[in-house]
Amino acid sequence: MSIGKKIKFFRKRRGMTQRTLGTEVGFPPASADVRIAQYESDSRTPKPYVRNAIAEALGVSVPALTAPEFTDNLTLLHILFALEDRYGVKMSFDGETVYARLVVQAKKGDPLYPKLYFWQMMKRQLVTGEISQVEYDDWRYGLS
């Protein structure tokens, strides 16, 4: 999903109009909706300081807007190559299906540990029905 599509997704999820988002970002009210519409249609790409302001106004982390796109199989393959280099993606084949498995391990003391630990706690709460998918997604997208 492009950054423009993500902006639109999060804006609608928050129940905001393009004008409201634009004015919260700091655009003049007369052109606020036009600017946001340009970003959402991908005819313009927000500069980093605007992207940061949009993320803040939407209550999401910047990476939620800028996470890499899986536009095609080749892009996904190269993302998997990068994950292999960094985290050791393992490949397997059962005679019919090829699997790419990512195991990210973090032990206590590792800076990633608390984030992964909290993630597994949130996922468990989702699976057991303690939180809704919306609450889980709000947590995921609001990570900073």
N, C-alpha and C. Protein backbone atom coordinates (compact mmCIF):
# COMPACT_ATOMS: atom_id res chain seq x y z
N MET A 1 0.85 -1.17 0.00
CA MET A 1 0.00 0.00 0.00
C MET A 1 0.90 1.24 0.00
N SER A 2 0.62 2.18 -0.87
CA SER A 2 1.42 3.39 -0.98
C SER A 2 1.21 4.28 0.24
N ILE A 3 2.09 5.25 0.42
CA ILE A 3 1.95 6.18 1.55
C ILE A 3 0.62 6.93 1.44
N GLY A 4 0.23 7.30 0.22
CA GLY A 4 -1.04 7.99 0.05
C GLY A 4 -2.22 7.14 0.47
N LYS A 5 -2.20 5.87 0.09
CA LYS A 5 -3.29 4.95 0.48
C LYS A 5 -3.30 4.74 1.99
N LYS A 6 -2.10 4.71 2.59
CA LYS A 6 -2.03 4.56 4.05
C LYS A 6 -2.58 5.79 4.75
N ILE A 7 -2.24 6.97 4.24
CA ILE A 7 -2.79 8.20 4.82
C ILE A 7 -4.32 8.15 4.78
N LYS A 8 -4.86 7.78 3.64
CA LYS A 8 -6.33 7.71 3.49
C LYS A 8 -6.92 6.66 4.44
N PHE A 9 -6.28 5.50 4.52
CA PHE A 9 -6.75 4.43 5.40
C PHE A 9 -6.82 4.91 6.85
N PHE A 10 -5.73 5.50 7.33
CA PHE A 10 -5.70 5.94 8.73
C PHE A 10 -6.63 7.13 8.96
N ARG A 11 -6.72 8.04 8.00
CA ARG A 11 -7.61 9.19 8.14
C ARG A 11 -9.06 8.72 8.29
N LYS A 12 -9.47 7.81 7.41
CA LYS A 12 -10.84 7.30 7.48
C LYS A 12 -11.07 6.52 8.77
N ARG A 13 -10.07 5.78 9.17
CA ARG A 13 -10.17 5.01 10.41
C ARG A 13 -10.38 5.93 11.61
N ARG A 14 -9.78 7.11 11.54
CA ARG A 14 -9.92 8.10 12.62
C ARG A 14 -11.18 8.95 12.46
N GLY A 15 -11.90 8.76 11.34
CA GLY A 15 -13.12 9.52 11.12
C GLY A 15 -12.86 10.98 10.80
N MET A 16 -11.73 11.25 10.18
CA MET A 16 -11.36 12.63 9.85
C MET A 16 -11.64 12.93 8.39
N THR A 17 -11.97 14.18 8.12
CA THR A 17 -12.07 14.63 6.73
C THR A 17 -10.68 15.04 6.26
N GLN A 18 -10.53 15.17 4.96
CA GLN A 18 -9.26 15.65 4.42
C GLN A 18 -8.95 17.05 4.94
N ARG A 19 -9.96 17.90 5.03
CA ARG A 19 -9.76 19.27 5.52
C ARG A 19 -9.30 19.26 6.97
N THR A 20 -9.92 18.43 7.80
CA THR A 20 -9.54 18.36 9.21
C THR A 20 -8.09 17.92 9.35
N LEU A 21 -7.73 16.86 8.64
CA LEU A 21 -6.35 16.39 8.71
C LEU A 21 -5.40 17.48 8.22
N GLY A 22 -5.72 18.10 7.10
CA GLY A 22 -4.86 19.13 6.54
C GLY A 22 -4.65 20.30 7.48
N THR A 23 -5.72 20.74 8.14
CA THR A 23 -5.57 21.87 9.06
C THR A 23 -4.80 21.45 10.31
N GLU A 24 -4.97 20.20 10.77
CA GLU A 24 -4.19 19.72 11.92
C GLU A 24 -2.70 19.63 11.58
N VAL A 25 -2.40 19.37 10.31
CA VAL A 25 -1.01 19.31 9.86
C VAL A 25 -0.42 20.71 9.75
N GLY A 26 -1.30 21.72 9.57
CA GLY A 26 -0.81 23.09 9.49
C GLY A 26 -1.04 23.78 8.17
N PHE A 27 -1.77 23.14 7.27
CA PHE A 27 -2.08 23.77 5.99
C PHE A 27 -3.18 24.80 6.18
N PRO A 28 -3.20 25.85 5.36
CA PRO A 28 -4.29 26.83 5.44
C PRO A 28 -5.62 26.13 5.14
N PRO A 29 -6.67 26.49 5.88
CA PRO A 29 -7.97 25.82 5.69
C PRO A 29 -8.47 25.82 4.25
N ALA A 30 -8.18 26.87 3.50
CA ALA A 30 -8.68 26.96 2.12
C ALA A 30 -8.08 25.89 1.20
N SER A 31 -6.88 25.42 1.52
CA SER A 31 -6.23 24.43 0.64
C SER A 31 -5.91 23.12 1.35
N ALA A 32 -6.31 23.00 2.61
CA ALA A 32 -5.96 21.82 3.41
C ALA A 32 -6.46 20.52 2.78
N ASP A 33 -7.72 20.51 2.34
CA ASP A 33 -8.28 19.28 1.77
C ASP A 33 -7.62 18.94 0.43
N VAL A 34 -7.28 19.96 -0.36
CA VAL A 34 -6.64 19.71 -1.65
C VAL A 34 -5.27 19.08 -1.45
N ARG A 35 -4.50 19.60 -0.49
CA ARG A 35 -3.17 19.04 -0.24
C ARG A 35 -3.26 17.58 0.19
N ILE A 36 -4.16 17.28 1.11
CA ILE A 36 -4.30 15.90 1.57
C ILE A 36 -4.79 15.02 0.42
N ALA A 37 -5.70 15.51 -0.39
CA ALA A 37 -6.18 14.74 -1.55
C ALA A 37 -5.04 14.42 -2.50
N GLN A 38 -4.13 15.37 -2.69
CA GLN A 38 -2.97 15.13 -3.56
C GLN A 38 -2.08 14.02 -3.00
N TYR A 39 -1.89 14.00 -1.70
CA TYR A 39 -1.09 12.94 -1.09
C TYR A 39 -1.81 11.59 -1.20
N GLU A 40 -3.11 11.60 -0.91
CA GLU A 40 -3.86 10.35 -0.93
C GLU A 40 -3.96 9.76 -2.33
N SER A 41 -3.95 10.60 -3.34
CA SER A 41 -4.02 10.11 -4.72
C SER A 41 -2.63 9.79 -5.28
N ASP A 42 -1.62 10.01 -4.47
CA ASP A 42 -0.21 9.76 -4.84
C ASP A 42 0.26 10.67 -5.97
N SER A 43 -0.43 11.80 -6.19
CA SER A 43 0.07 12.75 -7.18
C SER A 43 1.18 13.61 -6.59
N ARG A 44 1.25 13.66 -5.26
CA ARG A 44 2.35 14.31 -4.55
C ARG A 44 2.78 13.40 -3.40
N THR A 45 4.05 13.50 -3.04
CA THR A 45 4.57 12.74 -1.90
C THR A 45 4.95 13.74 -0.81
N PRO A 46 4.46 13.52 0.41
CA PRO A 46 4.77 14.49 1.46
C PRO A 46 6.27 14.49 1.80
N LYS A 47 6.80 15.69 1.99
CA LYS A 47 8.18 15.83 2.44
C LYS A 47 8.27 15.26 3.85
N PRO A 48 9.47 14.89 4.29
CA PRO A 48 9.59 14.25 5.61
C PRO A 48 8.93 15.01 6.76
N TYR A 49 9.08 16.34 6.81
CA TYR A 49 8.48 17.08 7.93
C TYR A 49 6.95 17.05 7.85
N VAL A 50 6.39 17.03 6.63
CA VAL A 50 4.94 16.94 6.46
C VAL A 50 4.47 15.52 6.81
N ARG A 51 5.21 14.53 6.35
CA ARG A 51 4.89 13.13 6.66
C ARG A 51 4.86 12.93 8.17
N ASN A 52 5.83 13.50 8.88
CA ASN A 52 5.88 13.37 10.34
C ASN A 52 4.66 14.04 10.99
N ALA A 53 4.28 15.21 10.48
CA ALA A 53 3.11 15.92 11.01
C ALA A 53 1.83 15.14 10.73
N ILE A 54 1.74 14.54 9.56
CA ILE A 54 0.57 13.72 9.22
C ILE A 54 0.47 12.53 10.17
N ALA A 55 1.59 11.84 10.38
CA ALA A 55 1.59 10.69 11.30
C ALA A 55 1.14 11.12 12.69
N GLU A 56 1.66 12.24 13.16
CA GLU A 56 1.28 12.72 14.49
C GLU A 56 -0.22 13.05 14.55
N ALA A 57 -0.72 13.75 13.53
CA ALA A 57 -2.14 14.11 13.51
C ALA A 57 -3.03 12.87 13.45
N LEU A 58 -2.55 11.82 12.80
CA LEU A 58 -3.33 10.58 12.69
C LEU A 58 -3.15 9.67 13.89
N GLY A 59 -2.16 9.98 14.73
CA GLY A 59 -1.91 9.15 15.91
C GLY A 59 -1.26 7.83 15.57
N VAL A 60 -0.44 7.82 14.51
CA VAL A 60 0.28 6.61 14.13
C VAL A 60 1.78 6.91 14.11
N SER A 61 2.56 5.87 14.11
CA SER A 61 4.00 6.05 14.01
C SER A 61 4.37 6.33 12.56
N VAL A 62 5.49 7.02 12.37
CA VAL A 62 5.96 7.29 11.01
C VAL A 62 6.19 5.98 10.25
N PRO A 63 6.79 4.95 10.87
CA PRO A 63 6.95 3.69 10.14
C PRO A 63 5.64 3.07 9.68
N ALA A 64 4.54 3.36 10.36
CA ALA A 64 3.25 2.84 9.90
C ALA A 64 2.89 3.42 8.54
N LEU A 65 3.36 4.64 8.26
CA LEU A 65 3.11 5.26 6.95
C LEU A 65 4.16 4.88 5.92
N THR A 66 5.37 4.57 6.38
CA THR A 66 6.49 4.41 5.45
C THR A 66 6.98 2.98 5.32
N ALA A 67 6.32 2.03 5.95
CA ALA A 67 6.75 0.63 5.84
C ALA A 67 6.85 0.25 4.36
N PRO A 68 7.80 -0.60 4.01
CA PRO A 68 7.99 -0.92 2.59
C PRO A 68 6.75 -1.55 1.97
N GLU A 69 6.59 -1.26 0.69
CA GLU A 69 5.47 -1.82 -0.06
C GLU A 69 5.87 -3.15 -0.68
N PHE A 70 4.93 -4.04 -0.75
CA PHE A 70 5.13 -5.29 -1.46
C PHE A 70 4.39 -5.16 -2.79
N THR A 71 4.95 -4.36 -3.67
CA THR A 71 4.28 -4.05 -4.93
C THR A 71 4.32 -5.21 -5.92
N ASP A 72 5.29 -6.08 -5.77
CA ASP A 72 5.40 -7.21 -6.67
C ASP A 72 6.25 -8.29 -6.00
N ASN A 73 6.31 -9.44 -6.63
CA ASN A 73 7.04 -10.57 -6.04
C ASN A 73 8.53 -10.29 -5.92
N LEU A 74 9.10 -9.56 -6.87
CA LEU A 74 10.53 -9.26 -6.82
C LEU A 74 10.86 -8.36 -5.63
N THR A 75 10.01 -7.38 -5.36
CA THR A 75 10.22 -6.51 -4.19
C THR A 75 10.16 -7.34 -2.91
N LEU A 76 9.16 -8.19 -2.80
CA LEU A 76 9.04 -9.05 -1.62
C LEU A 76 10.26 -9.95 -1.49
N LEU A 77 10.74 -10.50 -2.59
CA LEU A 77 11.90 -11.37 -2.56
C LEU A 77 13.13 -10.63 -2.01
N HIS A 78 13.32 -9.40 -2.44
CA HIS A 78 14.47 -8.64 -1.95
C HIS A 78 14.32 -8.23 -0.49
N ILE A 79 13.10 -8.02 -0.05
CA ILE A 79 12.88 -7.76 1.37
C ILE A 79 13.21 -9.02 2.17
N LEU A 80 12.82 -10.18 1.66
CA LEU A 80 13.18 -11.43 2.32
C LEU A 80 14.69 -11.66 2.33
N PHE A 81 15.37 -11.28 1.24
CA PHE A 81 16.84 -11.38 1.21
C PHE A 81 17.45 -10.53 2.32
N ALA A 82 16.93 -9.31 2.48
CA ALA A 82 17.45 -8.41 3.53
C ALA A 82 17.18 -8.99 4.91
N LEU A 83 16.01 -9.58 5.10
CA LEU A 83 15.70 -10.21 6.38
C LEU A 83 16.58 -11.44 6.61
N GLU A 84 16.91 -12.15 5.54
CA GLU A 84 17.82 -13.29 5.66
C GLU A 84 19.19 -12.81 6.15
N ASP A 85 19.68 -11.74 5.56
CA ASP A 85 20.98 -11.21 5.96
C ASP A 85 20.97 -10.76 7.42
N ARG A 86 19.88 -10.15 7.83
CA ARG A 86 19.83 -9.58 9.18
C ARG A 86 19.39 -10.59 10.22
N TYR A 87 18.38 -11.41 9.90
CA TYR A 87 17.77 -12.28 10.91
C TYR A 87 17.78 -13.76 10.57
N GLY A 88 18.27 -14.12 9.39
CA GLY A 88 18.38 -15.53 9.07
C GLY A 88 17.10 -16.20 8.65
N VAL A 89 16.41 -15.66 7.67
CA VAL A 89 15.23 -16.33 7.13
C VAL A 89 15.64 -17.73 6.69
N LYS A 90 14.85 -18.71 7.05
CA LYS A 90 15.12 -20.11 6.70
C LYS A 90 14.14 -20.55 5.63
N MET A 91 14.65 -21.26 4.64
CA MET A 91 13.82 -21.77 3.56
C MET A 91 13.60 -23.27 3.76
N SER A 92 12.40 -23.73 3.41
CA SER A 92 12.12 -25.16 3.44
C SER A 92 11.14 -25.49 2.33
N PHE A 93 11.06 -26.76 2.03
CA PHE A 93 10.22 -27.24 0.94
C PHE A 93 9.67 -28.60 1.34
N ASP A 94 8.35 -28.79 1.20
CA ASP A 94 7.75 -30.07 1.59
C ASP A 94 7.35 -30.92 0.39
N GLY A 95 7.93 -30.62 -0.77
CA GLY A 95 7.59 -31.36 -1.97
C GLY A 95 6.52 -30.68 -2.80
N GLU A 96 5.77 -29.78 -2.19
CA GLU A 96 4.70 -29.08 -2.89
C GLU A 96 4.71 -27.57 -2.63
N THR A 97 5.14 -27.20 -1.44
CA THR A 97 5.10 -25.80 -1.03
C THR A 97 6.47 -25.35 -0.53
N VAL A 98 6.84 -24.12 -0.90
CA VAL A 98 8.08 -23.52 -0.40
C VAL A 98 7.71 -22.58 0.73
N TYR A 99 8.45 -22.66 1.81
CA TYR A 99 8.21 -21.82 2.98
C TYR A 99 9.42 -20.94 3.25
N ALA A 100 9.15 -19.69 3.61
CA ALA A 100 10.19 -18.80 4.12
C ALA A 100 9.80 -18.51 5.56
N ARG A 101 10.66 -18.89 6.49
CA ARG A 101 10.35 -18.75 7.91
C ARG A 101 11.31 -17.76 8.55
N LEU A 102 10.77 -16.82 9.25
CA LEU A 102 11.57 -15.82 9.94
C LEU A 102 11.43 -16.05 11.44
N VAL A 103 12.55 -16.23 12.09
CA VAL A 103 12.56 -16.36 13.53
C VAL A 103 13.45 -15.26 14.08
N VAL A 104 12.82 -14.29 14.73
CA VAL A 104 13.58 -13.20 15.35
C VAL A 104 13.60 -13.50 16.84
N GLN A 105 14.77 -13.74 17.35
CA GLN A 105 14.92 -14.04 18.77
C GLN A 105 15.55 -12.86 19.48
N ALA A 106 15.02 -12.57 20.64
CA ALA A 106 15.59 -11.50 21.47
C ALA A 106 15.56 -11.99 22.91
N LYS A 107 16.68 -11.96 23.55
CA LYS A 107 16.77 -12.38 24.95
C LYS A 107 16.71 -11.15 25.84
N LYS A 108 16.39 -11.38 27.11
CA LYS A 108 16.37 -10.27 28.06
C LYS A 108 17.68 -9.51 27.96
N GLY A 109 17.57 -8.19 27.96
CA GLY A 109 18.74 -7.34 27.81
C GLY A 109 18.90 -6.82 26.39
N ASP A 110 18.34 -7.53 25.42
CA ASP A 110 18.37 -7.08 24.03
C ASP A 110 17.34 -5.95 23.89
N PRO A 111 17.68 -4.85 23.23
CA PRO A 111 16.73 -3.73 23.10
C PRO A 111 15.43 -4.12 22.40
N LEU A 112 15.45 -5.15 21.59
CA LEU A 112 14.25 -5.58 20.89
C LEU A 112 13.34 -6.43 21.78
N TYR A 113 13.89 -7.00 22.84
CA TYR A 113 13.15 -7.92 23.70
C TYR A 113 11.82 -7.34 24.21
N PRO A 114 11.83 -6.14 24.83
CA PRO A 114 10.55 -5.66 25.36
C PRO A 114 9.49 -5.43 24.29
N LYS A 115 9.92 -5.02 23.11
CA LYS A 115 8.96 -4.79 22.03
C LYS A 115 8.34 -6.12 21.55
N LEU A 116 9.19 -7.13 21.36
CA LEU A 116 8.67 -8.43 20.93
C LEU A 116 7.83 -9.08 22.02
N TYR A 117 8.25 -8.93 23.27
CA TYR A 117 7.50 -9.51 24.39
C TYR A 117 6.11 -8.89 24.46
N PHE A 118 6.05 -7.55 24.35
CA PHE A 118 4.77 -6.87 24.41
C PHE A 118 3.91 -7.25 23.22
N TRP A 119 4.51 -7.41 22.05
CA TRP A 119 3.77 -7.82 20.86
C TRP A 119 3.11 -9.17 21.09
N GLN A 120 3.87 -10.13 21.62
CA GLN A 120 3.27 -11.45 21.82
C GLN A 120 2.16 -11.39 22.86
N MET A 121 2.28 -10.49 23.85
CA MET A 121 1.20 -10.34 24.83
C MET A 121 -0.05 -9.75 24.17
N MET A 122 0.13 -8.76 23.32
CA MET A 122 -1.00 -8.16 22.62
C MET A 122 -1.67 -9.18 21.68
N LYS A 123 -0.86 -9.96 20.98
CA LYS A 123 -1.39 -10.97 20.06
C LYS A 123 -2.19 -12.01 20.85
N ARG A 124 -1.68 -12.40 22.00
CA ARG A 124 -2.39 -13.38 22.82
C ARG A 124 -3.74 -12.80 23.27
N GLN A 125 -3.76 -11.52 23.65
CA GLN A 125 -5.02 -10.89 24.05
C GLN A 125 -6.01 -10.84 22.90
N LEU A 126 -5.51 -10.63 21.69
CA LEU A 126 -6.38 -10.64 20.51
C LEU A 126 -6.97 -12.03 20.30
N VAL A 127 -6.12 -13.04 20.35
CA VAL A 127 -6.56 -14.42 20.11
C VAL A 127 -7.57 -14.88 21.17
N THR A 128 -7.37 -14.46 22.41
CA THR A 128 -8.27 -14.88 23.49
C THR A 128 -9.52 -14.00 23.60
N GLY A 129 -9.60 -12.96 22.75
CA GLY A 129 -10.78 -12.10 22.77
C GLY A 129 -10.75 -11.00 23.81
N GLU A 130 -9.64 -10.83 24.49
CA GLU A 130 -9.54 -9.77 25.51
C GLU A 130 -9.51 -8.39 24.87
N ILE A 131 -9.01 -8.30 23.64
CA ILE A 131 -9.03 -7.05 22.89
C ILE A 131 -9.56 -7.34 21.49
N SER A 132 -10.06 -6.31 20.85
CA SER A 132 -10.60 -6.46 19.50
C SER A 132 -9.51 -6.27 18.45
N GLN A 133 -9.83 -6.60 17.22
CA GLN A 133 -8.90 -6.39 16.11
C GLN A 133 -8.60 -4.90 15.96
N VAL A 134 -9.58 -4.06 16.17
CA VAL A 134 -9.37 -2.60 16.09
C VAL A 134 -8.38 -2.16 17.16
N GLU A 135 -8.55 -2.65 18.38
CA GLU A 135 -7.61 -2.29 19.46
C GLU A 135 -6.20 -2.79 19.15
N TYR A 136 -6.12 -4.00 18.62
CA TYR A 136 -4.82 -4.56 18.25
C TYR A 136 -4.17 -3.73 17.14
N ASP A 137 -4.96 -3.40 16.12
CA ASP A 137 -4.43 -2.58 15.03
C ASP A 137 -4.03 -1.19 15.51
N ASP A 138 -4.83 -0.59 16.38
CA ASP A 138 -4.48 0.72 16.93
C ASP A 138 -3.13 0.64 17.65
N TRP A 139 -2.92 -0.43 18.39
CA TRP A 139 -1.63 -0.61 19.07
C TRP A 139 -0.52 -0.78 18.03
N ARG A 140 -0.73 -1.65 17.03
CA ARG A 140 0.31 -1.89 16.03
C ARG A 140 0.69 -0.61 15.28
N TYR A 141 -0.29 0.12 14.81
CA TYR A 141 -0.02 1.29 13.99
C TYR A 141 0.50 2.47 14.81
N GLY A 142 0.22 2.47 16.10
CA GLY A 142 0.69 3.57 16.94
C GLY A 142 2.07 3.36 17.51
N LEU A 143 2.70 2.22 17.20
CA LEU A 143 4.04 1.98 17.72
C LEU A 143 4.99 3.08 17.28
N SER A 144 5.86 3.45 18.16
CA SER A 144 6.87 4.46 17.78
C SER A 144 8.25 3.96 18.13
